[in-house]
Protein backbone atom coordinates (compact mmCIF):
# COMPACT_ATOMS: atom_id res chain seq x y z
CA MET A 1 0.00 0.00 0.00
CA LEU A 2 1.31 3.45 -0.94
CA THR A 3 1.85 6.06 1.78
CA PRO A 4 -0.08 9.34 1.50
CA ASN A 5 3.07 11.11 0.33
CA VAL A 6 3.98 8.64 -2.50
CA THR A 7 1.65 8.25 -5.47
CA TRP A 8 1.69 5.94 -8.50
CA LEU A 9 2.69 8.94 -10.57
CA ASP A 10 5.70 9.46 -8.30
CA LEU A 11 6.77 5.83 -8.82
CA CYS A 12 6.39 6.11 -12.60
CA LEU A 13 8.41 9.30 -12.69
CA ALA A 14 11.05 7.72 -10.48
CA GLY A 15 11.24 4.71 -12.78
CA ILE A 16 11.62 6.95 -15.80
CA GLY A 17 14.32 8.88 -13.96
CA VAL A 18 16.27 5.72 -13.13
CA TYR A 19 16.01 4.60 -16.77
CA LEU A 20 17.28 7.95 -18.07
CA VAL A 21 20.17 7.97 -15.59
CA LYS A 22 21.17 4.46 -16.67
CA GLN A 23 20.99 5.50 -20.30
CA VAL A 24 23.27 8.47 -19.61
CA PHE A 25 25.84 6.45 -17.69
CA ASN A 26 25.70 3.44 -20.02
CA LYS A 27 25.87 5.51 -23.16
CA ASN A 28 29.08 4.80 -25.00
CA PRO A 29 30.77 8.02 -26.11
CA ALA A 30 31.53 6.43 -29.49
CA SER A 31 28.86 5.89 -32.12
CA TYR A 32 28.24 2.78 -34.16
CA PRO A 33 29.80 2.63 -37.62
CA PRO A 34 27.61 4.22 -40.30
CA GLY A 35 25.01 2.20 -42.16
CA PRO A 36 21.52 2.24 -43.60
CA ARG A 37 18.82 3.70 -41.37
CA GLY A 38 16.67 1.07 -39.71
CA TRP A 39 13.12 0.96 -38.43
CA PRO A 40 12.05 1.02 -34.76
CA LEU A 41 12.08 -2.41 -33.12
CA ILE A 42 12.86 -4.44 -36.28
CA GLY A 43 15.95 -2.40 -37.21
CA ASN A 44 17.41 -3.25 -40.64
CA ILE A 45 15.63 -6.54 -41.17
CA GLN A 46 14.45 -5.39 -44.60
CA ASP A 47 17.98 -4.39 -45.64
CA ILE A 48 19.54 -7.84 -45.17
CA PRO A 49 19.99 -9.45 -48.62
CA HIS A 50 18.97 -13.05 -49.25
CA ILE A 51 20.99 -13.68 -52.42
CA LYS A 52 24.43 -12.45 -53.55
CA HIS A 53 24.74 -10.58 -50.29
CA TRP A 54 28.28 -9.47 -51.16
CA LEU A 55 26.83 -7.07 -53.75
CA THR A 56 24.70 -5.29 -51.16
CA PHE A 57 27.61 -5.20 -48.72
CA ALA A 58 29.82 -3.70 -51.43
CA GLU A 59 27.22 -0.98 -52.01
CA TRP A 60 27.33 -0.24 -48.29
CA GLY A 61 31.12 -0.07 -48.48
CA LYS A 62 30.92 2.44 -51.29
CA LYS A 63 28.39 4.57 -49.43
CA TYR A 64 29.48 4.26 -45.79
CA GLY A 65 33.16 3.35 -45.80
CA ALA A 66 35.40 0.47 -44.80
CA ILE A 67 33.20 -0.51 -41.84
CA SER A 68 29.41 -0.39 -41.87
CA HIS A 69 26.77 -1.32 -39.30
CA VAL A 70 23.21 -2.60 -39.24
CA GLU A 71 21.01 -3.91 -36.44
CA VAL A 72 18.38 -6.64 -36.80
CA LEU A 73 16.04 -7.22 -33.87
CA GLY A 74 18.76 -6.11 -31.48
CA GLN A 75 21.57 -8.06 -33.17
CA HIS A 76 24.42 -5.78 -34.26
CA ILE A 77 26.11 -6.71 -37.55
CA ILE A 78 29.41 -5.18 -38.67
CA VAL A 79 30.43 -5.51 -42.34
CA ILE A 80 34.11 -5.06 -43.22
CA ASN A 81 35.06 -4.10 -46.79
CA SER A 82 38.70 -3.29 -46.08
CA VAL A 83 41.81 -5.45 -45.78
CA LYS A 84 43.35 -2.95 -43.37
CA SER A 85 40.30 -3.04 -41.11
CA ALA A 86 40.19 -6.83 -41.27
CA VAL A 87 43.86 -7.08 -40.26
CA ASP A 88 43.54 -4.45 -37.52
CA MET A 89 40.48 -6.11 -36.02
CA LEU A 90 40.80 -9.85 -36.66
CA ASP A 91 44.60 -10.23 -36.68
CA LYS A 92 45.71 -7.66 -34.14
CA LYS A 93 42.72 -8.12 -31.82
CA GLY A 94 42.27 -11.84 -32.33
CA ALA A 95 41.30 -12.51 -28.72
CA VAL A 96 38.24 -10.28 -29.18
CA TYR A 97 37.25 -11.11 -32.77
CA SER A 98 37.83 -14.89 -33.07
CA ASP A 99 34.58 -16.31 -31.74
CA ARG A 100 31.72 -17.65 -33.84
CA PRO A 101 28.04 -16.83 -33.44
CA VAL A 102 25.43 -19.45 -32.73
CA LEU A 103 23.79 -20.14 -36.10
CA PRO A 104 20.32 -21.50 -35.30
CA MET A 105 19.79 -23.12 -38.70
CA ALA A 106 23.21 -24.37 -39.82
CA GLY A 107 24.79 -24.86 -36.42
CA GLU A 108 22.06 -25.95 -34.03
CA LEU A 109 19.31 -27.47 -36.16
CA VAL A 110 21.45 -29.07 -38.88
CA GLY A 111 24.39 -29.86 -36.59
CA TRP A 112 27.31 -28.09 -38.22
CA LYS A 113 28.21 -26.53 -34.86
CA HIS A 114 30.77 -29.32 -34.36
CA ILE A 115 32.71 -28.48 -37.51
CA LEU A 116 35.85 -26.38 -37.13
CA ALA A 117 34.41 -23.48 -39.11
CA LEU A 118 31.56 -22.99 -36.61
CA LEU A 119 33.26 -23.97 -33.35
CA PRO A 120 33.33 -21.27 -30.68
CA TYR A 121 36.80 -20.02 -29.86
CA GLY A 122 38.15 -22.19 -27.06
CA ASP A 123 39.98 -25.39 -26.13
CA ARG A 124 38.20 -27.69 -28.61
CA PHE A 125 38.78 -25.19 -31.42
CA ARG A 126 42.49 -25.07 -30.62
CA GLN A 127 42.71 -28.87 -30.52
CA TYR A 128 41.09 -29.22 -33.96
CA ARG A 129 43.54 -26.73 -35.41
CA LYS A 130 46.46 -28.42 -33.67
CA ASN A 131 45.45 -31.76 -35.24
CA ILE A 132 45.24 -30.28 -38.72
CA HIS A 133 48.41 -28.21 -38.39
CA HIS A 134 50.35 -31.24 -37.16
CA ILE A 135 49.51 -33.23 -40.29
CA ILE A 136 49.23 -30.63 -43.09
CA GLY A 137 50.08 -27.33 -41.43
CA ASN A 138 52.82 -26.29 -43.86
CA ARG A 139 54.14 -27.12 -47.32
CA ALA A 140 56.86 -29.37 -45.96
CA ALA A 141 54.38 -31.48 -43.99
CA LEU A 142 52.18 -31.75 -47.07
CA ASP A 143 54.97 -33.17 -49.25
CA VAL A 144 54.06 -36.72 -48.26
CA TYR A 145 50.61 -36.24 -49.85
CA HIS A 146 51.90 -34.84 -53.15
CA PRO A 147 51.93 -38.27 -54.87
CA ILE A 148 48.23 -38.64 -54.04
CA GLU A 149 47.43 -35.26 -55.59
CA GLU A 150 49.47 -36.03 -58.71
CA ILE A 151 47.86 -39.45 -59.21
CA GLU A 152 44.32 -38.12 -58.77
CA THR A 153 45.00 -35.20 -61.11
CA ARG A 154 46.29 -37.62 -63.77
CA ARG A 155 43.01 -39.50 -63.44
CA PHE A 156 41.21 -36.18 -63.83
CA LEU A 157 42.96 -35.59 -67.15
CA LYS A 158 41.78 -38.99 -68.40
CA ARG A 159 38.19 -38.27 -67.39
CA VAL A 160 38.17 -34.89 -69.08
CA PHE A 161 39.74 -36.33 -72.24
CA SER A 162 37.13 -39.09 -72.41
CA ASN A 163 34.13 -36.90 -71.64
CA PRO A 164 34.87 -33.16 -71.65
CA GLU A 165 31.17 -32.26 -71.50
CA GLN A 166 31.08 -33.51 -67.91
CA LEU A 167 33.80 -31.14 -66.69
CA GLN A 168 32.01 -30.04 -63.52
CA ALA A 169 31.39 -33.63 -62.43
CA HIS A 170 35.03 -34.52 -63.11
CA VAL A 171 36.24 -31.55 -61.05
CA ARG A 172 34.01 -32.53 -58.15
CA LEU A 173 35.08 -36.18 -58.28
CA THR A 174 38.77 -35.26 -58.35
CA ALA A 175 38.54 -32.71 -55.52
CA GLY A 176 36.64 -35.24 -53.45
CA ALA A 177 39.15 -37.96 -54.30
CA ILE A 178 42.07 -35.83 -53.12
CA THR A 179 40.42 -34.82 -49.85
CA LEU A 180 39.10 -38.33 -49.15
CA ARG A 181 42.50 -39.96 -49.69
CA THR A 182 44.21 -37.27 -47.63
CA SER A 183 41.64 -37.30 -44.84
CA TYR A 184 40.71 -40.99 -44.69
CA GLY A 185 42.92 -42.97 -47.10
CA TYR A 186 39.79 -43.83 -49.09
CA GLU A 187 40.15 -44.32 -52.85
CA VAL A 188 37.01 -43.23 -54.70
CA LYS A 189 35.08 -45.31 -57.19
CA GLU A 190 35.08 -44.05 -60.75
CA ASN A 191 31.30 -43.77 -60.96
CA ASN A 192 28.63 -42.90 -58.39
CA ASP A 193 30.95 -42.99 -55.39
CA PRO A 194 28.80 -42.80 -52.21
CA PHE A 195 31.28 -40.63 -50.29
CA ILE A 196 31.50 -38.09 -53.10
CA ASP A 197 27.73 -37.90 -53.25
CA LEU A 198 27.55 -37.43 -49.48
CA ALA A 199 30.06 -34.60 -49.52
CA GLU A 200 28.32 -32.85 -52.42
CA ARG A 201 24.91 -32.98 -50.75
CA ALA A 202 26.21 -32.05 -47.31
CA MET A 203 28.27 -29.09 -48.52
CA ASN A 204 25.42 -27.80 -50.64
CA ASN A 205 23.24 -27.96 -47.54
CA PHE A 206 25.88 -26.16 -45.50
CA SER A 207 26.19 -23.37 -48.03
CA ARG A 208 22.43 -22.89 -48.14
CA SER A 209 21.85 -23.17 -44.39
CA SER A 210 24.64 -20.78 -43.36
CA ALA A 211 24.03 -17.99 -45.89
CA PRO A 212 23.27 -14.68 -44.11
CA GLY A 213 19.53 -14.03 -43.88
CA ALA A 214 18.54 -17.19 -45.76
CA PHE A 215 16.29 -18.52 -42.97
CA ILE A 216 13.98 -16.60 -40.66
CA VAL A 217 15.10 -18.75 -37.70
CA ASP A 218 18.53 -17.10 -37.88
CA ILE A 219 16.83 -13.75 -37.36
CA VAL A 220 14.26 -14.98 -34.80
CA PRO A 221 16.01 -17.88 -32.97
CA LEU A 222 12.93 -18.65 -30.85
CA LEU A 223 11.36 -20.14 -33.97
CA ALA A 224 13.75 -23.08 -33.57
CA ASN A 225 11.34 -24.40 -30.93
CA VAL A 226 8.20 -24.50 -33.11
CA PRO A 227 7.04 -27.88 -34.48
CA GLU A 228 7.48 -28.82 -38.13
CA TRP A 229 3.74 -28.54 -38.84
CA PHE A 230 3.64 -24.93 -37.67
CA PRO A 231 2.88 -22.48 -40.52
CA GLY A 232 6.14 -21.14 -41.98
CA ALA A 233 8.29 -23.77 -40.23
CA GLY A 234 9.32 -25.65 -43.35
CA PHE A 235 12.92 -24.96 -42.34
CA LYS A 236 12.50 -27.55 -39.56
CA ARG A 237 11.85 -30.32 -42.09
CA LEU A 238 14.84 -29.23 -44.16
CA ALA A 239 17.02 -29.15 -41.04
CA ARG A 240 16.02 -32.70 -40.11
CA GLU A 241 16.87 -34.02 -43.58
CA TRP A 242 20.14 -32.09 -43.75
CA ARG A 243 21.15 -33.23 -40.27
CA GLN A 244 20.94 -36.88 -41.34
CA THR A 245 23.08 -36.20 -44.41
CA LEU A 246 25.71 -34.48 -42.26
CA LYS A 247 25.74 -37.35 -39.77
CA GLU A 248 26.44 -39.83 -42.56
CA MET A 249 29.17 -37.63 -44.05
CA VAL A 250 30.96 -37.47 -40.69
CA ASP A 251 30.41 -41.02 -39.40
CA VAL A 252 30.74 -43.26 -42.46
CA PRO A 253 34.31 -42.43 -43.61
CA TYR A 254 35.52 -42.31 -40.00
CA LYS A 255 34.16 -45.82 -39.44
CA PHE A 256 35.86 -46.90 -42.67
CA VAL A 257 39.29 -45.83 -41.33
CA LYS A 258 38.78 -47.66 -38.03
CA GLU A 259 37.75 -50.86 -39.81
CA GLN A 260 40.77 -50.63 -42.12
CA MET A 261 43.08 -50.12 -39.14
CA ASP A 262 41.57 -53.09 -37.28
CA ALA A 263 42.24 -55.20 -40.37
CA GLY A 264 45.81 -53.86 -40.61
CA ILE A 265 45.31 -52.54 -44.15
CA ALA A 266 44.73 -48.83 -43.56
CA PRO A 267 46.79 -46.58 -45.87
CA MET A 268 48.40 -43.41 -44.57
CA SER A 269 45.91 -40.61 -43.98
CA PHE A 270 45.15 -37.68 -41.72
CA THR A 271 42.77 -39.80 -39.62
CA SER A 272 44.96 -42.90 -39.37
CA ASN A 273 47.88 -40.73 -38.25
CA LEU A 274 45.78 -39.28 -35.44
CA LEU A 275 44.40 -42.69 -34.37
CA GLU A 276 47.61 -44.72 -34.61
CA GLY A 277 48.61 -46.30 -31.27
CA ARG A 278 46.04 -44.37 -29.22
CA ILE A 279 43.16 -45.38 -26.97
CA LEU A 280 40.79 -42.45 -27.17
CA SER A 281 38.37 -41.06 -24.64
CA ALA A 282 34.91 -40.08 -25.89
CA GLU A 283 36.03 -36.44 -26.11
CA GLU A 284 39.21 -37.33 -28.02
CA ASP A 285 37.27 -39.56 -30.39
CA HIS A 286 34.84 -36.71 -31.07
CA THR A 287 37.72 -34.33 -31.71
CA VAL A 288 39.51 -36.63 -34.15
CA LYS A 289 36.31 -37.49 -36.02
CA TRP A 290 35.22 -33.88 -36.46
CA SER A 291 38.77 -32.68 -37.21
CA ALA A 292 38.82 -35.12 -40.13
CA ALA A 293 35.34 -34.09 -41.21
CA SER A 294 36.39 -30.43 -41.09
CA LEU A 295 39.32 -31.14 -43.41
CA TYR A 296 37.16 -33.26 -45.73
CA ALA A 297 34.28 -30.80 -45.92
CA GLY A 298 36.44 -27.71 -46.26
CA GLY A 299 38.57 -29.10 -49.06
CA ALA A 300 35.94 -30.98 -51.03
CA ASP A 301 33.86 -27.94 -51.94
CA SER A 302 36.34 -25.06 -51.99
CA ILE A 303 38.72 -26.88 -54.36
CA VAL A 304 35.80 -27.64 -56.70
CA SER A 305 34.89 -23.97 -56.98
CA THR A 306 38.45 -22.82 -57.65
CA ILE A 307 39.38 -25.44 -60.28
CA TYR A 308 36.08 -24.97 -62.10
CA SER A 309 36.84 -21.24 -62.10
CA LEU A 310 40.23 -22.00 -63.68
CA PHE A 311 38.51 -23.52 -66.72
CA LEU A 312 36.10 -20.59 -66.89
CA ALA A 313 38.98 -18.10 -66.80
CA MET A 314 40.95 -19.95 -69.47
CA THR A 315 37.85 -19.96 -71.68
CA LEU A 316 37.50 -16.20 -71.29
CA PHE A 317 41.18 -15.19 -71.37
CA PRO A 318 43.00 -17.16 -74.11
CA ASP A 319 46.07 -14.90 -74.07
CA VAL A 320 46.73 -15.83 -70.44
CA GLN A 321 46.38 -19.50 -71.32
CA LYS A 322 48.93 -19.18 -74.12
CA LYS A 323 51.48 -17.54 -71.82
CA ALA A 324 51.04 -20.27 -69.23
CA GLN A 325 51.43 -22.99 -71.85
CA ALA A 326 54.53 -21.32 -73.28
CA GLU A 327 56.16 -21.45 -69.84
CA LEU A 328 55.19 -25.10 -69.38
CA ASP A 329 56.60 -25.99 -72.81
CA ALA A 330 59.89 -24.20 -72.08
CA VAL A 331 60.43 -25.60 -68.57
CA VAL A 332 58.76 -29.02 -68.58
CA GLY A 333 58.69 -29.85 -72.27
CA PRO A 334 56.27 -32.09 -74.18
CA ASP A 335 57.56 -35.47 -72.99
CA ARG A 336 56.24 -35.51 -69.42
CA LEU A 337 53.61 -33.96 -67.20
CA PRO A 338 54.56 -31.23 -64.72
CA SER A 339 54.96 -32.23 -61.08
CA PHE A 340 55.38 -30.46 -57.77
CA ALA A 341 59.13 -30.67 -58.32
CA ASP A 342 58.68 -28.08 -61.09
CA ARG A 343 56.78 -25.57 -58.98
CA ASP A 344 59.65 -23.21 -58.19
CA SER A 345 60.57 -23.13 -61.90
CA LEU A 346 57.11 -22.05 -63.09
CA PRO A 347 56.54 -18.49 -61.85
CA TYR A 348 53.80 -17.67 -64.38
CA ILE A 349 51.77 -20.75 -63.36
CA GLU A 350 52.23 -19.66 -59.74
CA ALA A 351 51.00 -16.18 -60.63
CA LEU A 352 48.05 -17.64 -62.53
CA VAL A 353 46.94 -19.63 -59.48
CA LYS A 354 47.09 -16.46 -57.38
CA GLU A 355 44.99 -14.57 -59.92
CA ILE A 356 42.37 -17.35 -59.99
CA LEU A 357 42.11 -17.11 -56.20
CA ARG A 358 41.75 -13.32 -56.41
CA TRP A 359 39.29 -13.41 -59.29
CA ASN A 360 36.94 -16.01 -57.85
CA VAL A 361 36.71 -15.96 -54.07
CA VAL A 362 35.15 -19.21 -52.90
CA GLY A 363 33.61 -17.61 -49.80
CA PRO A 364 32.58 -14.08 -50.82
CA THR A 365 31.61 -13.06 -47.29
CA SER A 366 32.97 -15.87 -45.13
CA ILE A 367 31.28 -17.14 -41.98
CA PRO A 368 30.63 -14.34 -39.46
CA HIS A 369 32.95 -13.78 -36.52
CA ARG A 370 31.54 -12.83 -33.13
CA VAL A 371 32.88 -10.11 -30.84
CA THR A 372 33.44 -11.29 -27.27
CA GLU A 373 33.76 -7.88 -25.60
CA ASP A 374 33.04 -4.23 -26.33
CA ASP A 375 35.62 -2.57 -28.54
CA ILE A 376 36.36 0.86 -29.91
CA HIS A 377 37.80 0.69 -33.41
CA ASP A 378 38.65 3.71 -35.55
CA GLY A 379 36.50 5.72 -33.18
CA TYR A 380 33.46 3.48 -33.62
CA HIS A 381 31.73 1.44 -30.93
CA ILE A 382 31.68 -2.29 -31.71
CA PRO A 383 29.34 -3.87 -29.12
CA LYS A 384 29.99 -7.21 -27.48
CA GLY A 385 28.09 -9.93 -29.30
CA SER A 386 28.24 -8.19 -32.68
CA LEU A 387 28.55 -10.35 -35.79
CA VAL A 388 31.44 -9.38 -38.04
CA ILE A 389 31.12 -10.23 -41.74
CA LEU A 390 34.11 -9.97 -44.08
CA ASN A 391 33.15 -8.97 -47.60
CA PHE A 392 35.84 -10.50 -49.82
CA TRP A 393 33.69 -9.76 -52.86
CA LEU A 394 34.16 -10.99 -56.40
CA VAL A 395 36.21 -9.06 -58.94
CA ARG A 396 33.76 -9.80 -61.72
CA TYR A 397 31.30 -7.37 -60.15
CA PHE A 398 33.80 -4.56 -59.91
CA SER A 399 32.47 -2.77 -62.96
CA VAL A 400 29.00 -2.54 -61.41
CA PHE A 401 30.20 0.19 -59.10
CA ASP A 402 31.66 3.62 -59.72
CA ILE A 403 34.90 3.47 -57.77
CA SER A 404 36.13 6.93 -56.86
CA ALA A 405 38.91 8.33 -54.70
CA LYS A 406 36.54 8.11 -51.75
CA SER A 407 36.59 4.31 -52.14
CA LYS A 408 40.17 4.00 -50.92
CA ASP A 409 40.99 0.82 -48.95
CA ARG A 410 37.79 -1.02 -49.70
CA PHE A 411 36.65 -4.16 -51.46
CA MET A 412 39.61 -6.28 -50.33
CA LEU A 413 40.60 -8.35 -53.38
CA ASN A 414 39.29 -5.62 -55.67
CA ASP A 415 40.82 -2.58 -53.99
CA PRO A 416 42.26 -0.36 -56.74
CA GLN A 417 44.76 0.96 -54.23
CA THR A 418 46.14 -2.58 -53.86
CA TYR A 419 45.47 -4.21 -57.25
CA ALA A 420 45.98 -2.11 -60.37
CA ASN A 421 42.96 -2.37 -62.71
CA PRO A 422 41.34 -5.01 -60.50
CA SER A 423 38.64 -5.80 -63.08
CA GLN A 424 41.38 -7.06 -65.43
CA PHE A 425 42.39 -10.73 -65.22
CA ASN A 426 46.15 -10.33 -65.11
CA PRO A 427 48.50 -12.91 -63.51
CA GLU A 428 51.47 -10.66 -64.27
CA ARG A 429 50.43 -8.41 -61.42
CA PHE A 430 52.09 -11.01 -59.17
CA LEU A 431 55.42 -11.03 -61.02
CA ASP A 432 58.39 -8.68 -60.92
CA ASN A 433 57.53 -6.41 -63.81
CA ASN A 434 59.77 -3.63 -65.15
CA GLY A 435 61.11 -2.90 -61.70
CA LYS A 436 57.64 -2.87 -60.11
CA ASP A 437 57.14 -4.98 -57.02
CA PRO A 438 54.54 -7.77 -57.28
CA GLU A 439 51.11 -6.94 -55.92
CA PRO A 440 50.09 -8.55 -52.58
CA ASP A 441 49.51 -12.29 -52.56
CA PRO A 442 45.72 -12.86 -52.43
CA ARG A 443 46.28 -16.00 -50.37
CA THR A 444 46.91 -13.70 -47.40
CA ILE A 445 43.31 -12.52 -47.82
CA CYS A 446 41.10 -15.18 -49.41
CA PHE A 447 41.86 -17.85 -46.78
CA GLY A 448 40.69 -15.59 -43.96
CA PHE A 449 42.25 -13.60 -41.15
CA GLY A 450 43.47 -13.98 -37.61
CA ARG A 451 43.02 -17.10 -35.56
CA ARG A 452 40.36 -18.44 -37.90
CA ILE A 453 42.47 -18.50 -41.05
CA CYS A 454 41.80 -21.69 -43.04
CA PRO A 455 44.10 -24.41 -41.62
CA GLY A 456 43.86 -26.45 -44.83
CA LEU A 457 45.07 -23.64 -47.07
CA HIS A 458 48.26 -25.49 -48.10
CA LEU A 459 46.28 -28.54 -49.23
CA ALA A 460 43.87 -26.38 -51.24
CA ASP A 461 46.70 -24.34 -52.75
CA ALA A 462 48.63 -27.46 -53.78
CA SER A 463 45.56 -29.09 -55.33
CA VAL A 464 44.75 -26.00 -57.40
CA TRP A 465 48.38 -25.62 -58.50
CA ILE A 466 48.83 -29.18 -59.74
CA SER A 467 45.45 -29.10 -61.51
CA THR A 468 46.39 -25.86 -63.24
CA ALA A 469 49.83 -27.04 -64.34
CA MET A 470 48.76 -30.47 -65.58
CA SER A 471 45.56 -29.30 -67.29
CA LEU A 472 47.24 -26.51 -69.25
CA ALA A 473 50.14 -28.78 -70.19
CA VAL A 474 47.85 -31.09 -72.18
CA PHE A 475 44.61 -29.23 -72.97
CA ASP A 476 43.58 -26.24 -75.04
CA ILE A 477 40.52 -24.63 -73.45
CA SER A 478 38.34 -22.33 -75.54
CA LYS A 479 34.81 -21.12 -76.21
CA VAL A 480 32.43 -23.54 -77.86
CA VAL A 481 31.06 -22.72 -81.31
CA GLU A 482 27.36 -23.31 -81.90
CA LYS A 483 25.83 -22.58 -85.32
CA ASP A 484 29.06 -20.83 -86.37
CA VAL A 485 28.86 -18.48 -83.36
CA GLU A 486 31.23 -18.47 -80.39
CA VAL A 487 29.40 -18.83 -77.09
CA THR A 488 30.84 -16.62 -74.35
CA PRO A 489 30.15 -18.07 -70.89
CA GLU A 490 28.19 -15.90 -68.51
CA VAL A 491 30.07 -15.10 -65.32
CA ASP A 492 27.40 -15.50 -62.67
CA PRO A 493 28.36 -17.18 -59.38
CA THR A 494 25.85 -18.90 -57.16
CA SER A 495 24.73 -17.48 -53.83
CA GLY A 496 25.59 -19.08 -50.52
CA THR A 497 28.46 -19.23 -48.05
CA ILE A 498 30.42 -21.18 -50.69
CA SER A 499 30.03 -19.74 -54.18
CA HIS A 500 30.52 -21.62 -57.46
CA PRO A 501 30.52 -20.48 -61.06
CA LYS A 502 27.26 -21.51 -62.65
CA PRO A 503 27.60 -24.31 -65.21
CA PHE A 504 29.07 -23.14 -68.51
CA LYS A 505 30.11 -24.63 -71.84
CA CYS A 506 33.69 -24.74 -73.08
CA SER A 507 35.74 -26.68 -75.60
CA ILE A 508 38.52 -28.86 -74.14
CA LYS A 509 40.84 -30.56 -76.63
CA PRO A 510 44.29 -32.20 -76.37
CA ARG A 511 47.09 -29.91 -77.51
CA SER A 512 48.87 -32.59 -79.53
CA ALA A 513 49.38 -36.29 -80.11
CA LYS A 514 52.08 -36.24 -77.43
CA ALA A 515 49.57 -34.66 -75.04
CA VAL A 516 47.17 -37.54 -75.74
CA ALA A 517 49.93 -40.04 -74.92
CA LEU A 518 50.65 -38.27 -71.62
CA ILE A 519 46.96 -38.26 -70.71
CA GLN A 520 46.66 -41.97 -71.38
CA GLN A 521 49.66 -42.96 -69.27
CA ASP A 522 48.97 -45.16 -66.26
CA ALA A 523 47.51 -42.83 -63.63
CA ASN A 524 49.28 -44.75 -60.87
CA TYR A 525 52.70 -43.96 -62.31
């Protein structure tokens, strides 16, 4: 009961006063980074793109600067369009910017939360990375797997020669074969391999389920608790189906390695090396299994996108192809295929691989990082719990935007301050040229930043290099001619966390009779 001297109005005014005082004292002197104006309560929910989100983020970069900010139902999202900002935040402040958000769809409902890419920053994350680094953490450690990559790439040449119209399928089979033999010692079947199919379906599901704004449950996490029959909850049915596919992708090859080891016939692999001579606890078994799955999943899809992009680029830029082939002819000659032993003697091929990685970024915006404590960066307030999205962006869209002097230090792999004429496909930018220093290696950008840089980058880099060298040594790649008209492929990548060139037509023919003989050599040589 209120006393005669204290009324309900007094209590309301007091409550308002306390709220205002808290607002004053809790108000951070720094403002958020600039960004599009949102609506009350819902914030910028209507501004979040559902497809090709990197294009919208690039528009924000042009308008607002290197760092932009939006808020969706109370969730702060920071978009970085600058290499310098990415390095300053994710590299130099790694302890603050290395966490991952909880992704209701991909992580919780589908189950990808156990994969390295989505693990929160902590002890398990460090153990996964330690496992991968121990086995393939540098070029020297990867040398033991080079014969596998060379054998599988030789098989790729045979497949393409026999059926060039099925290029995309051959690329996927070969990338899967390399990662499966490296991860599990499993040798794929030539047709309809079940592990390849599993990886393709699972990684497609991952790309779709983790794309920013693709599912309403990622914006309203409480919807994760509604039943499948609830109106608008079709994502629950998808999540259940995708979860089963993921479980099979993780469990089946791991079981294969254990059975091979029990029988004493397991070949060398990432998983067998980690299991050899050990009795594992449940936690250790989980860590080894998901470390292997992380390597398998990460390599199987990213390598596919990059090698397929190589054939697209060679179709579109024949002069580059001729220069690469001239170097191969001069250094390697026509009587054998190039090998990793030739790598240091082929600088133009090396430069070409770098340009492919710059031109077609596999993950245009990466998986968001999460900020673990409040930060002030470049005078802006970055709240604890913010999601940080890196916009690597694709060079092919560069011409869409009017890049002016105000755009300095933006667009990462397309920054005109870093890469001269970034819309031009030009491997020579990475060579010593008339006294000019080479432009920065895109591998320091496209594989991520800070403590979440891709740990399998050396495996991916090696696979792309050997595919490039061997393919250009024996094949001429060009536009197809239909009804006496050259067909120029459309450059239009798919949406999703992992982006691929859309299917395209190209002509792939052996360069000579000697090239045919090299292709038809025993692939186990």
